[in-house]
Protein backbone atom coordinates (compact mmCIF):
# COMPACT_ATOMS: atom_id res chain seq x y z
CA UNK A 1 13.68 5.06 -10.35
CA UNK A 2 16.02 6.57 -12.92
CA UNK A 3 19.55 5.20 -12.91
CA UNK A 4 22.30 7.82 -12.68
CA UNK A 5 24.99 7.87 -15.35
CA UNK A 6 27.66 7.00 -12.79
CA UNK A 7 25.70 4.00 -11.49
CA UNK A 8 24.94 2.85 -15.05
CA UNK A 9 28.58 3.00 -16.12
CA UNK A 10 29.75 1.11 -13.04
CA UNK A 11 27.01 -1.50 -13.53
CA UNK A 12 27.99 -2.13 -17.15
CA UNK A 13 31.62 -2.43 -16.11
CA UNK A 14 30.99 -4.92 -13.34
CA UNK A 15 28.68 -7.06 -15.50
CA UNK A 16 31.27 -7.21 -18.27
CA UNK A 17 33.95 -8.06 -15.73
CA UNK A 18 31.81 -10.74 -14.10
CA UNK A 19 31.06 -12.31 -17.47
CA UNK A 20 34.73 -13.01 -18.19
CA UNK A 21 36.26 -13.54 -14.74
CA UNK A 22 35.51 -15.62 -11.69
CA UNK A 23 37.62 -15.35 -8.57
CA UNK A 24 38.15 -18.73 -6.96
CA UNK A 25 38.02 -19.10 -3.22
CA UNK A 26 35.97 -16.01 -2.47
CA UNK A 27 33.32 -18.18 -0.82
CA UNK A 28 29.68 -17.50 -0.12
CA UNK A 29 27.85 -14.29 0.67
CA UNK A 30 24.77 -14.42 2.90
CA UNK A 31 21.94 -12.04 1.97
CA UNK A 32 18.98 -11.43 4.29
CA UNK A 33 16.08 -9.99 2.28
CA UNK A 34 13.79 -7.83 4.44
CA UNK A 35 10.97 -5.41 3.65
CA UNK A 36 10.42 -1.79 4.60
CA UNK A 37 8.81 -1.58 8.04
CA UNK A 38 9.68 -5.14 9.06
CA UNK A 39 13.31 -4.90 10.09
CA UNK A 40 14.67 -8.07 11.66
CA UNK A 41 12.27 -10.35 9.79
CA UNK A 42 13.64 -12.13 6.74
CA UNK A 43 11.42 -12.76 3.75
CA UNK A 44 14.16 -15.16 2.83
CA UNK A 45 17.85 -15.75 3.41
CA UNK A 46 20.07 -16.88 0.56
CA UNK A 47 23.71 -17.84 0.25
CA UNK A 48 25.24 -16.82 -3.07
CA UNK A 49 28.70 -17.42 -4.48
CA UNK A 50 30.80 -14.28 -4.82
CA UNK A 51 32.26 -13.90 -8.30
CA UNK A 52 33.72 -10.42 -8.08
CA UNK A 53 33.71 -7.44 -5.74
CA UNK A 54 34.39 -3.88 -6.88
CA UNK A 55 34.33 -0.62 -4.96
CA UNK A 56 30.58 -0.26 -5.57
CA UNK A 57 29.23 -3.67 -6.53
CA UNK A 58 29.02 -7.30 -5.49
CA UNK A 59 28.73 -9.71 -8.39
CA UNK A 60 27.09 -12.96 -7.27
CA UNK A 61 25.98 -16.15 -8.97
CA UNK A 62 23.06 -18.45 -8.34
CA UNK A 63 22.19 -21.65 -10.15
CA UNK A 64 19.02 -21.57 -12.21
CA UNK A 65 17.23 -24.03 -9.93
CA UNK A 66 17.70 -21.76 -6.91
CA UNK A 67 16.64 -18.71 -8.94
CA UNK A 68 13.47 -20.53 -10.00
CA UNK A 69 12.75 -21.43 -6.37
CA UNK A 70 13.14 -17.77 -5.37
CA UNK A 71 10.49 -16.86 -7.93
CA UNK A 72 7.95 -18.80 -5.86
CA UNK A 73 8.61 -16.56 -2.85
CA UNK A 74 9.37 -13.13 -4.28
CA UNK A 75 8.70 -11.08 -7.39
CA UNK A 76 12.22 -11.25 -8.79
CA UNK A 77 11.39 -8.71 -11.49
CA UNK A 78 10.62 -6.13 -8.78
CA UNK A 79 14.28 -6.22 -7.74
CA UNK A 80 15.39 -4.75 -11.05
CA UNK A 81 16.43 -1.13 -10.79
CA UNK A 82 19.40 1.11 -10.02
CA UNK A 83 20.77 -1.18 -7.32
CA UNK A 84 19.97 -4.65 -8.64
CA UNK A 85 20.56 -6.28 -11.99
CA UNK A 86 19.93 -9.91 -12.89
CA UNK A 87 21.35 -11.40 -16.07
CA UNK A 88 21.13 -15.15 -16.43
CA UNK A 89 22.58 -16.65 -13.26
CA UNK A 90 24.49 -13.45 -12.39
CA UNK A 91 23.16 -10.97 -9.84
CA UNK A 92 24.85 -7.59 -9.44
CA UNK A 93 23.97 -5.76 -6.22
CA UNK A 94 25.09 -2.19 -5.56
CA UNK A 95 26.64 -1.81 -2.11
CA UNK A 96 24.39 1.19 -1.50
CA UNK A 97 21.51 -1.27 -1.14
CA UNK A 98 23.33 -3.42 1.41
CA UNK A 99 23.78 -3.15 5.17
CA UNK A 100 26.73 -5.24 6.34
CA UNK A 101 26.06 -7.02 9.64
CA UNK A 102 29.17 -9.23 9.63
CA UNK A 103 31.88 -10.16 7.12
CA UNK A 104 30.22 -11.46 3.96
CA UNK A 105 26.74 -11.12 5.51
CA UNK A 106 24.32 -8.38 4.51
CA UNK A 107 20.74 -7.17 4.85
CA UNK A 108 18.99 -5.79 1.78
CA UNK A 109 15.71 -3.91 2.20
CA UNK A 110 13.14 -4.14 -0.57
CA UNK A 111 9.67 -2.73 -1.09
CA UNK A 112 6.63 -4.55 0.21
CA UNK A 113 5.53 -5.60 -3.28
CA UNK A 114 8.58 -7.88 -3.60
CA UNK A 115 7.32 -10.73 -1.35
CA UNK A 116 4.40 -12.63 -2.83
CA UNK A 117 2.80 -13.02 0.59
CA UNK A 118 3.14 -9.90 2.72
CA UNK A 119 4.33 -10.03 6.31
CA UNK A 120 1.07 -9.37 8.15
CA UNK A 121 -0.60 -12.21 6.27
CA UNK A 122 2.36 -14.53 6.85
CA UNK A 123 2.06 -13.97 10.59
CA UNK A 124 -1.72 -14.37 10.56
CA UNK A 125 -1.47 -17.63 8.61
CA UNK A 126 0.83 -19.05 11.28
CA UNK A 127 -1.70 -18.23 14.01
CA UNK A 128 -4.97 -19.07 12.26
CA UNK A 129 -6.98 -21.95 10.88
CA UNK A 130 -9.64 -22.15 8.21
CA UNK A 131 -10.50 -19.29 5.86
CA UNK A 132 -9.14 -15.75 5.86
CA UNK A 133 -10.28 -12.57 4.12
CA UNK A 134 -7.39 -11.49 1.91
CA UNK A 135 -6.60 -8.88 -0.71
CA UNK A 136 -5.10 -10.24 -3.92
CA UNK A 137 -3.21 -7.65 -5.98
CA UNK A 138 -2.76 -8.26 -9.69
CA UNK A 139 0.21 -7.66 -11.99
CA UNK A 140 -1.58 -8.42 -15.22
CA UNK A 141 -5.06 -9.15 -16.44
CA UNK A 142 -6.64 -11.23 -13.65
CA UNK A 143 -8.19 -14.60 -14.43
CA UNK A 144 -11.15 -14.27 -12.08
CA UNK A 145 -12.59 -17.63 -13.04
CA UNK A 146 -9.33 -19.29 -12.03
CA UNK A 147 -9.08 -17.19 -8.86
CA UNK A 148 -12.61 -18.25 -7.95
CA UNK A 149 -11.45 -21.88 -7.81
CA UNK A 150 -9.42 -21.03 -4.71
CA UNK A 151 -11.96 -18.99 -2.78
CA UNK A 152 -14.87 -16.59 -2.89
CA UNK A 153 -14.11 -13.40 -4.85
CA UNK A 154 -15.99 -10.90 -2.68
CA UNK A 155 -15.17 -7.70 -4.51
CA UNK A 156 -13.04 -6.56 -7.45
CA UNK A 157 -11.51 -3.07 -7.23
CA UNK A 158 -12.92 -0.58 -9.71
CA UNK A 159 -9.33 0.10 -10.78
CA UNK A 160 -8.86 -3.56 -11.68
CA UNK A 161 -5.70 -3.65 -9.57
CA UNK A 162 -6.92 -6.19 -7.03
CA UNK A 163 -9.75 -8.08 -5.38
CA UNK A 164 -10.98 -9.09 -1.93
CA UNK A 165 -10.96 -12.88 -1.71
CA UNK A 166 -12.00 -15.16 1.15
CA UNK A 167 -9.98 -18.35 0.89
CA UNK A 168 -8.69 -21.21 2.96
CA UNK A 169 -5.21 -20.73 4.40
CA UNK A 170 -3.94 -23.68 2.36
CA UNK A 171 -4.90 -21.88 -0.87
CA UNK A 172 -3.01 -18.65 -0.16
CA UNK A 173 0.41 -19.98 -1.23
CA UNK A 174 -0.74 -21.42 -4.59
CA UNK A 175 -2.70 -18.24 -5.35
CA UNK A 176 0.38 -16.10 -4.60
CA UNK A 177 2.31 -18.07 -7.23
CA UNK A 178 -0.15 -17.40 -10.05
CA UNK A 179 1.31 -15.50 -13.01
CA UNK A 180 -1.38 -12.80 -12.74
CA UNK A 181 -0.90 -12.25 -8.98
CA UNK A 182 1.52 -9.62 -7.67
CA UNK A 183 1.05 -10.44 -3.99
CA UNK A 184 -1.51 -11.47 -1.38
CA UNK A 185 -2.17 -9.17 1.59
CA UNK A 186 -4.12 -9.39 4.82
CA UNK A 187 -6.99 -7.02 5.50
CA UNK A 188 -5.75 -4.34 7.91
CA UNK A 189 -7.65 -2.55 10.64
CA UNK A 190 -7.35 1.24 10.60
CA UNK A 191 -8.40 3.64 13.33
CA UNK A 192 -9.96 7.08 13.16
CA UNK A 193 -8.38 8.32 16.39
CA UNK A 194 -4.65 7.99 15.72
CA UNK A 195 -4.18 11.59 14.64
CA UNK A 196 -3.84 14.14 17.43
CA UNK A 197 -4.43 17.60 16.04
CA UNK A 198 -5.09 19.73 13.00
CA UNK A 199 -2.61 22.56 12.35
CA UNK A 200 -3.62 26.17 11.89
CA UNK A 201 -3.35 26.87 8.17
CA UNK A 202 -4.68 30.47 8.00
CA UNK A 203 -7.43 29.99 5.42
CA UNK A 204 -8.75 33.57 5.87
CA UNK A 205 -6.40 34.75 3.13
CA UNK A 206 -7.88 32.19 0.74
CA UNK A 207 -11.47 33.13 1.63
CA UNK A 208 -10.62 36.78 0.97
CA UNK A 209 -9.87 35.91 -2.67
CA UNK A 210 -13.36 34.41 -3.07
CA UNK A 211 -12.52 30.73 -2.65
CA UNK A 212 -14.55 29.04 0.09
CA UNK A 213 -15.20 25.61 -1.46
CA UNK A 214 -18.48 26.46 -3.16
CA UNK A 215 -19.21 23.90 -5.89
CA UNK A 216 -16.80 21.33 -4.45
CA UNK A 217 -17.98 17.93 -3.14
CA UNK A 218 -15.87 16.54 -0.30
CA UNK A 219 -16.21 12.80 0.40
CA UNK A 220 -15.54 11.99 4.05
CA UNK A 221 -14.69 8.28 4.39
CA UNK A 222 -15.09 7.81 8.11
CA UNK A 223 -17.56 6.87 10.87
CA UNK A 224 -20.44 8.71 9.22
CA UNK A 225 -22.02 12.18 9.31
CA UNK A 226 -24.56 13.61 11.76
CA UNK A 227 -27.12 15.49 9.62
CA UNK A 228 -28.48 17.26 12.70
CA UNK A 229 -25.18 18.89 13.59
CA UNK A 230 -25.39 22.62 12.92
CA UNK A 231 -22.15 22.60 10.91
CA UNK A 232 -23.45 19.91 8.53
CA UNK A 233 -27.15 20.71 8.29
CA UNK A 234 -28.22 20.91 4.64
CA UNK A 235 -24.70 20.18 3.35
CA UNK A 236 -24.88 16.40 2.86
CA UNK A 237 -25.59 15.74 -0.83
CA UNK A 238 -24.72 12.02 -1.01
CA UNK A 239 -24.51 9.11 1.43
CA UNK A 240 -23.40 5.47 1.45
CA UNK A 241 -23.20 3.16 4.46
CA UNK A 242 -20.81 0.21 4.02
CA UNK A 243 -21.20 -0.86 7.66
CA UNK A 244 -24.94 -1.23 8.31
CA UNK A 245 -26.43 -0.30 4.91
CA UNK A 246 -28.56 2.51 6.35
CA UNK A 247 -30.19 4.73 3.75
CA UNK A 248 -30.03 7.79 6.02
CA UNK A 249 -26.89 9.58 7.26
CA UNK A 250 -25.80 9.02 10.86
CA UNK A 251 -22.64 8.95 12.94
CA UNK A 252 -22.49 6.45 15.81
CA UNK A 253 -18.99 7.49 16.83
CA UNK A 254 -18.52 11.21 16.17
CA UNK A 255 -15.17 11.25 14.41
CA UNK A 256 -16.61 11.57 10.92
CA UNK A 257 -18.75 14.55 11.96
CA UNK A 258 -15.71 16.11 13.62
CA UNK A 259 -13.62 15.69 10.46
CA UNK A 260 -16.40 16.99 8.21
CA UNK A 261 -16.79 20.05 10.43
CA UNK A 262 -13.09 20.81 10.08
CA UNK A 263 -13.34 20.41 6.31
CA UNK A 264 -16.62 22.21 5.61
CA UNK A 265 -18.27 23.42 8.82
CA UNK A 266 -20.55 26.38 8.11
CA UNK A 267 -20.77 28.01 11.56
CA UNK A 268 -18.07 29.68 13.63
CA UNK A 269 -15.49 28.42 14.03
CA UNK A 270 -15.88 27.60 10.35
CA UNK A 271 -14.24 24.75 8.52
CA UNK A 272 -11.55 25.15 5.89
CA UNK A 273 -14.07 25.13 3.01
CA UNK A 274 -17.40 26.29 4.49
CA UNK A 275 -19.00 26.54 1.05
CA UNK A 276 -18.33 22.92 0.08
CA UNK A 277 -20.91 20.13 -0.02
CA UNK A 278 -20.39 16.81 1.76
CA UNK A 279 -20.56 13.19 0.68
CA UNK A 280 -20.77 10.83 3.63
CA UNK A 281 -19.17 7.41 3.14
CA UNK A 282 -19.38 5.30 6.29
CA UNK A 283 -16.49 2.81 6.26
CA UNK A 284 -15.62 2.80 9.98
CA UNK A 285 -17.66 1.22 12.78
CA UNK A 286 -18.99 2.71 16.00
CA UNK A 287 -15.61 1.90 17.59
CA UNK A 288 -13.86 4.11 15.04
CA UNK A 289 -12.12 1.27 13.25
CA UNK A 290 -12.56 -0.59 10.00
CA UNK A 291 -10.76 -2.66 7.40
CA UNK A 292 -8.82 -1.57 4.36
CA UNK A 293 -10.99 -3.62 1.99
CA UNK A 294 -14.09 -1.71 3.14
CA UNK A 295 -12.27 1.60 2.68
CA UNK A 296 -11.25 0.57 -0.84
CA UNK A 297 -14.91 -0.14 -1.62
CA UNK A 298 -15.74 3.32 -0.25
CA UNK A 299 -13.07 4.96 -2.42
CA UNK A 300 -14.51 3.32 -5.51
CA UNK A 301 -18.04 4.44 -4.62
CA UNK A 302 -16.94 8.03 -3.96
CA UNK A 303 -15.11 8.22 -7.30
CA UNK A 304 -18.10 6.79 -9.16
CA UNK A 305 -20.48 9.24 -7.48
CA UNK A 306 -18.66 12.45 -8.26
CA UNK A 307 -16.40 13.29 -5.32
CA UNK A 308 -13.98 16.14 -6.03
CA UNK A 309 -12.00 15.71 -2.83
CA UNK A 310 -11.69 12.59 -0.69
CA UNK A 311 -10.69 12.65 2.98
CA UNK A 312 -9.23 9.62 4.77
CA UNK A 313 -8.56 10.49 8.41
CA UNK A 314 -7.87 6.98 9.63
CA UNK A 315 -4.47 5.85 10.77
CA UNK A 316 -2.84 2.47 10.70
CA UNK A 317 0.40 0.74 9.95
CA UNK A 318 2.73 2.78 7.77
CA UNK A 319 3.77 1.69 4.32
CA UNK A 320 5.82 2.53 1.27
CA UNK A 321 3.11 3.23 -1.29
CA UNK A 322 2.70 -0.33 -2.55
CA UNK A 323 -0.25 -1.36 -0.34
CA UNK A 324 -3.69 -2.08 -1.86
CA UNK A 325 -5.12 1.02 -0.17
CA UNK A 326 -2.30 3.26 -1.42
CA UNK A 327 -2.67 1.96 -4.95
CA UNK A 328 -6.43 2.54 -4.96
CA UNK A 329 -5.83 6.10 -3.73
CA UNK A 330 -3.37 6.56 -6.62
CA UNK A 331 -6.05 5.32 -8.99
CA UNK A 332 -8.58 7.79 -7.51
CA UNK A 333 -6.09 10.59 -8.16
CA UNK A 334 -5.75 9.38 -11.75
CA UNK A 335 -9.53 9.81 -12.03
CA UNK A 336 -9.23 13.48 -11.07
CA UNK A 337 -10.02 13.22 -7.36
CA UNK A 338 -7.86 15.00 -4.77
CA UNK A 339 -7.10 12.50 -2.00
CA UNK A 340 -6.23 13.85 1.45
CA UNK A 341 -4.96 11.32 3.98
CA UNK A 342 -3.72 11.54 7.54
CA UNK A 343 0.06 11.51 8.02
CA UNK A 344 1.77 10.08 11.09
CA UNK A 345 -1.22 7.99 12.11
CA UNK A 346 1.03 5.01 12.79
CA UNK A 347 2.98 6.90 15.44
CA UNK A 348 6.54 8.29 15.53
């Protein structure tokens, strides 16, 4: 995020002021660090000494030992930006990032890539025993040999951004503290049926100009495709089953066929792009649900096999763009694929 000139000037001023002046007797400030989507749940709570307060900034200090201990829990470098600045043992926090809940007590919301173990996994660890399937996201070149000492590396993303790792609960914390690890995430169940309707988008005008999807391959990552459905007959040019490893297309739920018909159905009422071809990628089970690690595998396969457009009509918990699934979608876009995903699938 680009820092505005006004914010930059005020930041420089407060840092200079903090470096030469300490106000005695100001006491401690309590900061509750919480992540987007998990209001009321602290990643951590810290008490910092107030050095100086200006109209826009709080200047706080923390001893180096406490700062080092924070680095085991959060990615301190991810706090840097327009509203946070750390220099030595001085932390400047813009008041625009703070919600005051009582005198000298604040909540600060950060993105979900700040904690080294994300909330869903934290909660699951407290309720589980033994091994868990996790997603480990990297912030540098991964040392897979080292990672393999802590669990079974099931799958490495084609983007190189992360890996699916089955490991014992006791190994999750030490893995999260590795220099090459950004954070560790739980696998998340998504559901094909959380979206309610498809809006009318008046594609007749587009067809009239000669564009009907001919020559375009649409990958439908869903419950499968029914090759016997009249809308899809003869349109399926590629298929991969990540659920049961079937060599032949099928749909044991119906949602994938429904979605594909909306996208490329060839009989009235026609789909949006009736001339397009279809790539079936089965990543959801007969119940209409699946896990994000399976979907990531499907994304990688679709990119490698020539998808032009990728459709993900499964809903789940909302996020802020830092999740493993969101990052793999960003990577697919960087490879030239148009990614279309459901919005509002997590509810209002």
